[in-house]
Every structure is written in C-alpha cells, then in structure tokens.
C-alpha cells in the first residue's frame, strides 16, 4: 500500500496506463495473499501454543491439588507426632522426678 501510494505521488503528472494499474492491482493482491498466509500461520501457531499452555495449566493445577492434599496429610501427621513427643517428654520428666524422689528417700534412710 505504501509503495502504491509513493508510486502514485511520483506519477501525479504522468498518465497511468491500464496495464500499470492492472500490475499494481496484481501486486496488491499478491501482497494481501502473503499477509493472509502470514496471519493464518501466526494464528495457528498461537492457537497451538495457547492449547499447550492451557493443558499445562490444567496438569499443574491437578498436581498442585495433589501436593496440597499431601501437605495437609503431612501436617496432620506432624501434629500427631509432635503431641506424642510432648507426651513422651512429660512422661520422661515425671519418671525423672520419681527417680530423684526415690534417690532422696534412699539417702534419707
């Protein structure tokens, strides 16, 4: 289109023949076809890329949900084990206190 306009500007004082007009029309038509081919190719590749990205996101969401569930289970298990460890520590402290009292009793006797 730009080439066409620049040619026309150059020739404003000249007479343009029908053959030259026809040549320009063919050139324009050829360039339009090339543009459509490029656009069609880009759209197809963009659609493919979008499809792959969408599929990837779906798979990542599924994996993330699984990991989130696993994290929840592990946190629950960690809480149970922490409580069990705290109970064991209390029991050890109580047994240590009992042992000290017994040792004190033995020393007094």
Protein backbone atom coordinates (compact mmCIF):
# COMPACT_ATOMS: atom_id res chain seq x y z
CA UNK A 1 0.00 0.00 0.00
CA UNK A 2 2.82 2.39 0.87
CA UNK A 3 4.68 1.50 -2.33
CA UNK A 4 1.48 2.03 -4.29
CA UNK A 5 0.92 5.49 -2.81
CA UNK A 6 4.53 6.54 -3.35
CA UNK A 7 4.36 5.42 -6.96
CA UNK A 8 1.16 7.37 -7.40
CA UNK A 9 2.72 10.51 -5.94
CA UNK A 10 5.64 10.20 -8.30
CA UNK A 11 3.33 9.89 -11.23
CA UNK A 12 0.76 12.56 -10.48
CA UNK A 13 1.70 14.44 -13.61
CA UNK A 14 2.13 11.33 -15.73
CA UNK A 15 -0.58 9.37 -17.38
CA UNK A 16 -1.10 5.93 -15.84
CA UNK A 17 -1.96 3.18 -18.26
CA UNK A 18 -4.49 0.49 -17.64
CA UNK A 19 -1.70 -2.07 -17.79
CA UNK A 20 0.17 -0.28 -14.99
CA UNK A 21 -2.99 -0.11 -12.92
CA UNK A 22 -3.56 -3.81 -13.50
CA UNK A 23 0.04 -4.56 -12.48
CA UNK A 24 -0.44 -2.58 -9.30
CA UNK A 25 -3.70 -4.40 -8.55
CA UNK A 26 -1.97 -7.74 -9.04
CA UNK A 27 0.87 -6.66 -6.78
CA UNK A 28 -1.61 -5.55 -4.14
CA UNK A 29 -3.49 -8.83 -4.45
CA UNK A 30 -0.25 -10.79 -4.13
CA UNK A 31 0.78 -8.83 -1.02
CA UNK A 32 -2.69 -9.32 0.51
CA UNK A 33 -2.42 -13.09 -0.04
CA UNK A 34 1.03 -13.12 1.58
CA UNK A 35 -0.32 -11.14 4.52
CA UNK A 36 -3.25 -13.54 4.94
CA UNK A 37 -0.89 -16.53 4.82
CA UNK A 38 1.35 -14.97 7.48
CA UNK A 39 -1.61 -14.10 9.68
CA UNK A 40 -3.10 -17.59 9.28
CA UNK A 41 0.22 -19.20 10.18
CA UNK A 42 0.64 -16.98 13.22
CA UNK A 43 -2.91 -17.64 14.39
CA UNK A 44 -2.43 -21.38 14.02
CA UNK A 45 0.85 -21.38 15.94
CA UNK A 46 -0.59 -19.06 18.60
CA UNK A 47 -3.63 -21.32 18.98
CA UNK A 48 -1.34 -24.31 19.36
CA UNK A 49 0.78 -22.51 21.95
CA UNK A 50 -2.35 -21.46 23.86
CA UNK A 51 -3.64 -25.03 23.79
CA UNK A 52 -0.37 -26.36 25.14
CA UNK A 53 -0.30 -23.69 27.83
CA UNK A 54 -3.89 -24.45 28.83
CA UNK A 55 -3.16 -28.18 29.05
CA UNK A 56 -0.05 -27.43 31.07
CA UNK A 57 -2.02 -25.26 33.47
CA UNK A 58 -4.63 -27.99 33.92
CA UNK A 59 -1.93 -30.56 34.70
CA UNK A 60 -0.19 -28.15 37.07
CA UNK A 61 -3.48 -27.47 38.87
CA UNK A 62 -4.11 -31.19 39.27
CA UNK A 63 -0.56 -31.70 40.56
CA UNK A 64 -0.89 -28.70 42.89
CA UNK A 65 -4.14 -30.06 44.34
CA UNK A 66 -2.45 -33.40 44.99
CA UNK A 67 0.53 -31.73 46.62
CA UNK A 68 -1.75 -29.53 48.73
CA UNK A 69 -3.64 -32.61 49.95
CA UNK A 70 -0.36 -34.39 50.69
CA UNK A 71 0.89 -31.33 52.58
CA UNK A 72 -2.31 -31.33 54.65
CA UNK A 73 -1.87 -35.01 55.49
CA UNK A 74 1.77 -34.46 56.41
CA UNK A 75 0.89 -31.51 58.64
CA UNK A 76 -1.71 -33.60 60.45
CA UNK A 77 0.83 -36.39 60.92
CA UNK A 78 3.41 -33.87 62.14
CA UNK A 79 0.91 -32.52 64.68
CA UNK A 80 0.11 -36.04 65.93
CA UNK A 81 3.81 -36.91 66.23
CA UNK A 82 4.54 -33.59 67.98
CA UNK A 83 1.81 -34.31 70.51
CA UNK A 84 3.14 -37.84 71.01
CA UNK A 85 6.67 -36.48 71.51
CA UNK A 86 5.44 -33.89 74.01
CA UNK A 87 3.57 -36.64 75.91
CA UNK A 88 6.72 -38.77 75.94
CA UNK A 89 8.78 -35.81 77.21
CA UNK A 90 6.26 -35.25 80.05
CA UNK A 91 6.40 -38.94 80.90
CA UNK A 92 10.21 -38.85 80.98
CA UNK A 93 10.17 -35.76 83.20
CA UNK A 94 7.71 -37.47 85.57
CA UNK A 95 9.88 -40.61 85.69
CA UNK A 96 12.97 -38.50 86.29
CA UNK A 97 11.19 -36.71 89.14
CA UNK A 98 10.13 -40.07 90.59
CA UNK A 99 13.71 -41.35 90.32
CA UNK A 100 15.05 -38.23 92.11
CA UNK A 101 12.49 -38.63 94.89
CA UNK A 102 13.43 -42.28 95.27
CA UNK A 103 17.12 -41.37 95.42
CA UNK A 104 16.36 -38.68 98.03
CA UNK A 105 14.37 -41.23 100.05
CA UNK A 106 17.26 -43.72 99.84
CA UNK A 107 19.74 -41.09 101.00
CA UNK A 108 17.49 -40.19 103.99
CA UNK A 109 17.11 -43.78 105.01
